[in-house]
Amino acid sequence: MTPTLYGIESLANENLDASTRLTLRDGPLQLGWKHSGMTSDFIAEVMALPYSHSKRAYTQAHHDIGYLSNELIENAVKFRQPGEILIEAGISDDCFFMRTTNSIDSASSSRLQQLLHRLRSREPGELLLERIESNAISEGSGSGLGLLTLLSDYDAKMAWAFEQANDHHFKLTTTALVALPPSSKL
């Protein structure tokens, strides 16, 4: 079955063979929030190394990579079904790219696809302000704030592929790219 794609189709189909790959698996420690932070910190440390010739360049690259990584990994951990999470990350042409692949249930798939439908017709910044106001009134899980922040404030380019695994589960592949300032400008 052909996956349902949202976002930038060419990004969804980008070959990431030259990327660093990590797999998070359930085990005796139970995959949780702390693994998101530790993994995104590790990715930011490793991927920002090419910018270490300048403290300012390194700090900016580390921050942007860390934020994007943390958002994608947190969402993969928070909304996943049991099983592993594949993470692929790399830097090319002063852009950091990352892809997460995990299994989600039908309800999570439906909620995310509804948000992605709204993104087709509205600006991310507009939806971000709307979501912040809504969250101030009532707290909700799966609000999309992180995703909307990536699109609005970080100008991230993103793609999502939903592939039905069975009646109750989807394989979700999320790919994101954020431009890092050329080191000569920092």
C-alpha atoms as a PDB file:
ATOM      1  CA  MET A   1       0.000   0.000   0.000  1.00  0.00           C
ATOM      2  CA  THR A   2       1.287   3.483  -0.894  1.00  0.00           C
ATOM      3  CA  PRO A   3       1.914   5.719   2.136  1.00  0.00           C
ATOM      4  CA  THR A   4      -0.184   8.848   2.636  1.00  0.00           C
ATOM      5  CA  LEU A   5       2.193  11.814   2.433  1.00  0.00           C
ATOM      6  CA  TYR A   6       1.961  15.280   3.950  1.00  0.00           C
ATOM      7  CA  GLY A   7       4.447  18.103   3.689  1.00  0.00           C
ATOM      8  CA  ILE A   8       7.350  18.216   1.272  1.00  0.00           C
ATOM      9  CA  GLU A   9       7.207  15.035  -0.799  1.00  0.00           C
ATOM     10  CA  SER A  10      10.850  15.228  -1.960  1.00  0.00           C
ATOM     11  CA  LEU A  11      11.945  15.397   1.681  1.00  0.00           C
ATOM     12  CA  ALA A  12       9.885  12.312   2.527  1.00  0.00           C
ATOM     13  CA  ASN A  13      11.651  10.441  -0.268  1.00  0.00           C
ATOM     14  CA  GLU A  14      15.149  11.743   0.554  1.00  0.00           C
ATOM     15  CA  ASN A  15      17.777   9.014   0.746  1.00  0.00           C
ATOM     16  CA  LEU A  16      19.431   9.133   4.163  1.00  0.00           C
ATOM     17  CA  ASP A  17      21.976   6.349   3.603  1.00  0.00           C
ATOM     18  CA  ALA A  18      24.818   8.630   4.741  1.00  0.00           C
ATOM     19  CA  SER A  19      23.109   9.463   8.031  1.00  0.00           C
ATOM     20  CA  THR A  20      23.837   8.338  11.563  1.00  0.00           C
ATOM     21  CA  ARG A  21      21.284   5.755  12.700  1.00  0.00           C
ATOM     22  CA  LEU A  22      20.125   5.068  16.229  1.00  0.00           C
ATOM     23  CA  THR A  23      17.443   2.663  17.378  1.00  0.00           C
ATOM     24  CA  LEU A  24      15.550   3.108  20.641  1.00  0.00           C
ATOM     25  CA  ARG A  25      14.075  -0.147  21.906  1.00  0.00           C
ATOM     26  CA  ASP A  26      11.840  -1.067  24.797  1.00  0.00           C
ATOM     27  CA  GLY A  27      13.640  -2.954  27.502  1.00  0.00           C
ATOM     28  CA  PRO A  28      13.802  -3.366  31.259  1.00  0.00           C
ATOM     29  CA  LEU A  29      14.124   0.419  31.726  1.00  0.00           C
ATOM     30  CA  GLN A  30      10.984   1.183  29.678  1.00  0.00           C
ATOM     31  CA  LEU A  31      11.410   3.745  26.933  1.00  0.00           C
ATOM     32  CA  GLY A  32      10.378   7.136  28.328  1.00  0.00           C
ATOM     33  CA  TRP A  33      10.830  10.900  28.367  1.00  0.00           C
ATOM     34  CA  LYS A  34      14.354  10.775  29.794  1.00  0.00           C
ATOM     35  CA  HIS A  35      15.461   8.834  26.729  1.00  0.00           C
ATOM     36  CA  SER A  36      14.200  11.649  24.500  1.00  0.00           C
ATOM     37  CA  GLY A  37      16.347  14.231  26.239  1.00  0.00           C
ATOM     38  CA  MET A  38      19.448  12.061  26.455  1.00  0.00           C
ATOM     39  CA  THR A  39      19.200  11.015  22.814  1.00  0.00           C
ATOM     40  CA  SER A  40      18.562  14.522  21.492  1.00  0.00           C
ATOM     41  CA  ASP A  41      21.465  15.874  23.593  1.00  0.00           C
ATOM     42  CA  PHE A  42      23.735  13.199  22.132  1.00  0.00           C
ATOM     43  CA  ILE A  43      22.626  13.997  18.573  1.00  0.00           C
ATOM     44  CA  ALA A  44      23.119  17.741  19.128  1.00  0.00           C
ATOM     45  CA  GLU A  45      26.613  17.197  20.570  1.00  0.00           C
ATOM     46  CA  VAL A  46      27.728  14.990  17.678  1.00  0.00           C
ATOM     47  CA  MET A  47      26.060  16.892  14.842  1.00  0.00           C
ATOM     48  CA  ALA A  48      27.200  20.348  16.015  1.00  0.00           C
ATOM     49  CA  LEU A  49      30.875  19.328  15.994  1.00  0.00           C
ATOM     50  CA  PRO A  50      31.535  20.722  12.480  1.00  0.00           C
ATOM     51  CA  TYR A  51      30.637  24.158  13.902  1.00  0.00           C
ATOM     52  CA  SER A  52      33.008  23.948  16.884  1.00  0.00           C
ATOM     53  CA  HIS A  53      35.550  26.342  15.345  1.00  0.00           C
ATOM     54  CA  SER A  54      33.370  29.199  16.628  1.00  0.00           C
ATOM     55  CA  LYS A  55      31.627  29.262  19.997  1.00  0.00           C
ATOM     56  CA  ARG A  56      28.728  31.230  18.534  1.00  0.00           C
ATOM     57  CA  ALA A  57      28.345  28.886  15.533  1.00  0.00           C
ATOM     58  CA  TYR A  58      28.524  25.814  17.760  1.00  0.00           C
ATOM     59  CA  THR A  59      25.995  27.212  20.253  1.00  0.00           C
ATOM     60  CA  GLN A  60      23.503  28.091  17.497  1.00  0.00           C
ATOM     61  CA  ALA A  61      23.902  24.753  15.692  1.00  0.00           C
ATOM     62  CA  HIS A  62      23.688  22.821  18.967  1.00  0.00           C
ATOM     63  CA  HIS A  63      20.509  24.669  19.980  1.00  0.00           C
ATOM     64  CA  ASP A  64      18.721  24.238  16.631  1.00  0.00           C
ATOM     65  CA  ILE A  65      19.719  20.583  16.273  1.00  0.00           C
ATOM     66  CA  GLY A  66      18.808  19.863  19.893  1.00  0.00           C
ATOM     67  CA  TYR A  67      15.379  21.483  19.630  1.00  0.00           C
ATOM     68  CA  LEU A  68      14.421  19.700  16.416  1.00  0.00           C
ATOM     69  CA  SER A  69      15.781  16.371  17.674  1.00  0.00           C
ATOM     70  CA  ASN A  70      14.009  16.650  21.000  1.00  0.00           C
ATOM     71  CA  GLU A  71      10.651  17.474  19.406  1.00  0.00           C
ATOM     72  CA  LEU A  72      10.780  14.600  16.934  1.00  0.00           C
ATOM     73  CA  ILE A  73      12.021  12.057  19.461  1.00  0.00           C
ATOM     74  CA  GLU A  74       9.557  13.169  22.169  1.00  0.00           C
ATOM     75  CA  ASN A  75       6.656  12.798  19.748  1.00  0.00           C
ATOM     76  CA  ALA A  76       7.896   9.394  18.624  1.00  0.00           C
ATOM     77  CA  VAL A  77       8.167   8.237  22.255  1.00  0.00           C
ATOM     78  CA  LYS A  78       4.926   9.859  23.432  1.00  0.00           C
ATOM     79  CA  PHE A  79       2.652   8.623  20.662  1.00  0.00           C
ATOM     80  CA  ARG A  80       4.269   5.303  19.775  1.00  0.00           C
ATOM     81  CA  GLN A  81       2.972   1.815  20.033  1.00  0.00           C
ATOM     82  CA  PRO A  82       5.274  -0.818  21.552  1.00  0.00           C
ATOM     83  CA  GLY A  83       8.315  -1.411  19.429  1.00  0.00           C
ATOM     84  CA  GLU A  84      11.407   0.351  18.302  1.00  0.00           C
ATOM     85  CA  ILE A  85      11.966   3.892  17.132  1.00  0.00           C
ATOM     86  CA  LEU A  86      14.443   4.363  14.303  1.00  0.00           C
ATOM     87  CA  ILE A  87      16.260   7.707  14.258  1.00  0.00           C
ATOM     88  CA  GLU A  88      18.347   8.869  11.315  1.00  0.00           C
ATOM     89  CA  ALA A  89      20.238  12.166  11.433  1.00  0.00           C
ATOM     90  CA  GLY A  90      22.916  14.020   9.517  1.00  0.00           C
ATOM     91  CA  ILE A  91      24.217  17.320   8.184  1.00  0.00           C
ATOM     92  CA  SER A  92      24.481  18.217   4.521  1.00  0.00           C
ATOM     93  CA  ASP A  93      24.962  21.623   2.874  1.00  0.00           C
ATOM     94  CA  ASP A  94      24.586  23.497   6.195  1.00  0.00           C
ATOM     95  CA  CYS A  95      21.264  21.768   6.871  1.00  0.00           C
ATOM     96  CA  PHE A  96      20.496  19.352   9.688  1.00  0.00           C
ATOM     97  CA  PHE A  97      18.086  16.607   8.748  1.00  0.00           C
ATOM     98  CA  MET A  98      16.401  14.015  10.874  1.00  0.00           C
ATOM     99  CA  ARG A  99      13.947  11.199  10.343  1.00  0.00           C
ATOM    100  CA  THR A 100      12.080   9.163  12.947  1.00  0.00           C
ATOM    101  CA  THR A 101      10.129   6.019  12.182  1.00  0.00           C
ATOM    102  CA  ASN A 102       7.796   4.406  14.689  1.00  0.00           C
ATOM    103  CA  SER A 103       4.434   2.703  15.018  1.00  0.00           C
ATOM    104  CA  ILE A 104       1.351   4.664  16.147  1.00  0.00           C
ATOM    105  CA  ASP A 105      -2.262   3.702  16.765  1.00  0.00           C
ATOM    106  CA  SER A 106      -5.199   4.753  14.592  1.00  0.00           C
ATOM    107  CA  ALA A 107      -6.376   7.486  16.996  1.00  0.00           C
ATOM    108  CA  SER A 108      -2.934   9.167  17.071  1.00  0.00           C
ATOM    109  CA  SER A 109      -2.703   8.877  13.304  1.00  0.00           C
ATOM    110  CA  SER A 110      -6.091  10.520  12.888  1.00  0.00           C
ATOM    111  CA  ARG A 111      -5.263  13.430  15.259  1.00  0.00           C
ATOM    112  CA  LEU A 112      -1.955  14.147  13.555  1.00  0.00           C
ATOM    113  CA  GLN A 113      -3.482  13.951  10.075  1.00  0.00           C
ATOM    114  CA  GLN A 114      -6.194  16.428  11.137  1.00  0.00           C
ATOM    115  CA  LEU A 115      -3.482  18.881  12.266  1.00  0.00           C
ATOM    116  CA  LEU A 116      -1.595  18.361   8.995  1.00  0.00           C
ATOM    117  CA  HIS A 117      -4.791  19.057   7.008  1.00  0.00           C
ATOM    118  CA  ARG A 118      -5.144  22.386   8.865  1.00  0.00           C
ATOM    119  CA  LEU A 119      -1.522  23.210   8.030  1.00  0.00           C
ATOM    120  CA  ARG A 120      -2.317  22.923   4.321  1.00  0.00           C
ATOM    121  CA  SER A 121      -4.618  25.925   4.469  1.00  0.00           C
ATOM    122  CA  ARG A 122      -3.211  28.029   7.325  1.00  0.00           C
ATOM    123  CA  GLU A 123       0.113  29.559   8.246  1.00  0.00           C
ATOM    124  CA  PRO A 124       2.036  27.719  10.993  1.00  0.00           C
ATOM    125  CA  GLY A 125       2.540  30.984  12.932  1.00  0.00           C
ATOM    126  CA  GLU A 126      -1.195  31.644  12.941  1.00  0.00           C
ATOM    127  CA  LEU A 127      -1.934  28.108  14.158  1.00  0.00           C
ATOM    128  CA  LEU A 128       0.811  28.419  16.787  1.00  0.00           C
ATOM    129  CA  LEU A 129      -0.745  31.554  18.305  1.00  0.00           C
ATOM    130  CA  GLU A 130      -4.174  29.934  18.204  1.00  0.00           C
ATOM    131  CA  ARG A 131      -2.823  26.817  19.962  1.00  0.00           C
ATOM    132  CA  ILE A 132      -1.021  28.872  22.641  1.00  0.00           C
ATOM    133  CA  GLU A 133      -4.251  30.753  23.390  1.00  0.00           C
ATOM    134  CA  SER A 134      -6.223  27.509  23.453  1.00  0.00           C
ATOM    135  CA  ASN A 135      -3.728  25.841  25.793  1.00  0.00           C
ATOM    136  CA  ALA A 136      -3.903  28.836  28.168  1.00  0.00           C
ATOM    137  CA  ILE A 137      -7.611  28.106  28.613  1.00  0.00           C
ATOM    138  CA  SER A 138      -7.449  24.304  28.818  1.00  0.00           C
ATOM    139  CA  GLU A 139      -4.553  21.893  28.893  1.00  0.00           C
ATOM    140  CA  GLY A 140      -4.535  19.217  26.228  1.00  0.00           C
ATOM    141  CA  SER A 141      -2.189  16.450  25.291  1.00  0.00           C
ATOM    142  CA  GLY A 142      -0.949  16.189  21.769  1.00  0.00           C
ATOM    143  CA  SER A 143      -1.421  19.903  21.236  1.00  0.00           C
ATOM    144  CA  GLY A 144       1.066  20.193  18.375  1.00  0.00           C
ATOM    145  CA  LEU A 145       2.915  23.140  19.950  1.00  0.00           C
ATOM    146  CA  GLY A 146       6.344  21.663  19.287  1.00  0.00           C
ATOM    147  CA  LEU A 147       5.541  20.884  15.677  1.00  0.00           C
ATOM    148  CA  LEU A 148       4.041  24.324  15.094  1.00  0.00           C
ATOM    149  CA  THR A 149       7.067  25.972  16.741  1.00  0.00           C
ATOM    150  CA  LEU A 150       9.424  24.060  14.441  1.00  0.00           C
ATOM    151  CA  LEU A 151       7.478  25.179  11.381  1.00  0.00           C
ATOM    152  CA  SER A 152       6.936  28.762  12.493  1.00  0.00           C
ATOM    153  CA  ASP A 153       9.999  29.793  14.497  1.00  0.00           C
ATOM    154  CA  TYR A 154      12.666  27.484  13.039  1.00  0.00           C
ATOM    155  CA  ASP A 155      11.368  27.475   9.462  1.00  0.00           C
ATOM    156  CA  ALA A 156      11.719  23.694   9.458  1.00  0.00           C
ATOM    157  CA  LYS A 157      10.847  21.818   6.293  1.00  0.00           C
ATOM    158  CA  MET A 158       8.907  18.683   7.128  1.00  0.00           C
ATOM    159  CA  ALA A 159       7.268  15.605   5.687  1.00  0.00           C
ATOM    160  CA  TRP A 160       5.156  12.814   7.156  1.00  0.00           C
ATOM    161  CA  ALA A 161       4.416   9.414   5.662  1.00  0.00           C
ATOM    162  CA  PHE A 162       1.629   7.268   7.125  1.00  0.00           C
ATOM    163  CA  GLU A 163       1.699   3.639   6.084  1.00  0.00           C
ATOM    164  CA  GLN A 164      -1.031   1.349   7.373  1.00  0.00           C
ATOM    165  CA  ALA A 165       0.564  -1.661   9.076  1.00  0.00           C
ATOM    166  CA  ASN A 166      -2.721  -3.345  10.086  1.00  0.00           C
ATOM    167  CA  ASP A 167      -6.255  -2.379  11.150  1.00  0.00           C
ATOM    168  CA  HIS A 168      -5.067  -0.613  14.314  1.00  0.00           C
ATOM    169  CA  HIS A 169      -1.516   0.565  13.633  1.00  0.00           C
ATOM    170  CA  PHE A 170       0.334   2.840  11.250  1.00  0.00           C
ATOM    171  CA  LYS A 171       4.025   3.165  10.552  1.00  0.00           C
ATOM    172  CA  LEU A 172       4.756   6.892  10.832  1.00  0.00           C
ATOM    173  CA  THR A 173       7.879   8.336   9.255  1.00  0.00           C
ATOM    174  CA  THR A 174       8.575  11.976  10.102  1.00  0.00           C
ATOM    175  CA  THR A 175      11.352  13.788   8.258  1.00  0.00           C
ATOM    176  CA  ALA A 176      12.531  17.294   9.125  1.00  0.00           C
ATOM    177  CA  LEU A 177      15.213  19.626   7.870  1.00  0.00           C
ATOM    178  CA  VAL A 178      16.373  22.900   9.377  1.00  0.00           C
ATOM    179  CA  ALA A 179      18.928  25.227   7.837  1.00  0.00           C
ATOM    180  CA  LEU A 180      21.941  25.983   9.955  1.00  0.00           C
ATOM    181  CA  PRO A 181      23.533  29.381   9.399  1.00  0.00           C
ATOM    182  CA  PRO A 182      26.738  29.064   7.362  1.00  0.00           C
ATOM    183  CA  SER A 183      29.589  29.092   9.839  1.00  0.00           C
ATOM    184  CA  SER A 184      31.173  32.075   8.066  1.00  0.00           C
ATOM    185  CA  LYS A 185      28.198  34.262   9.124  1.00  0.00           C
ATOM    186  CA  LEU A 186      28.483  33.428  12.831  1.00  0.00           C
END
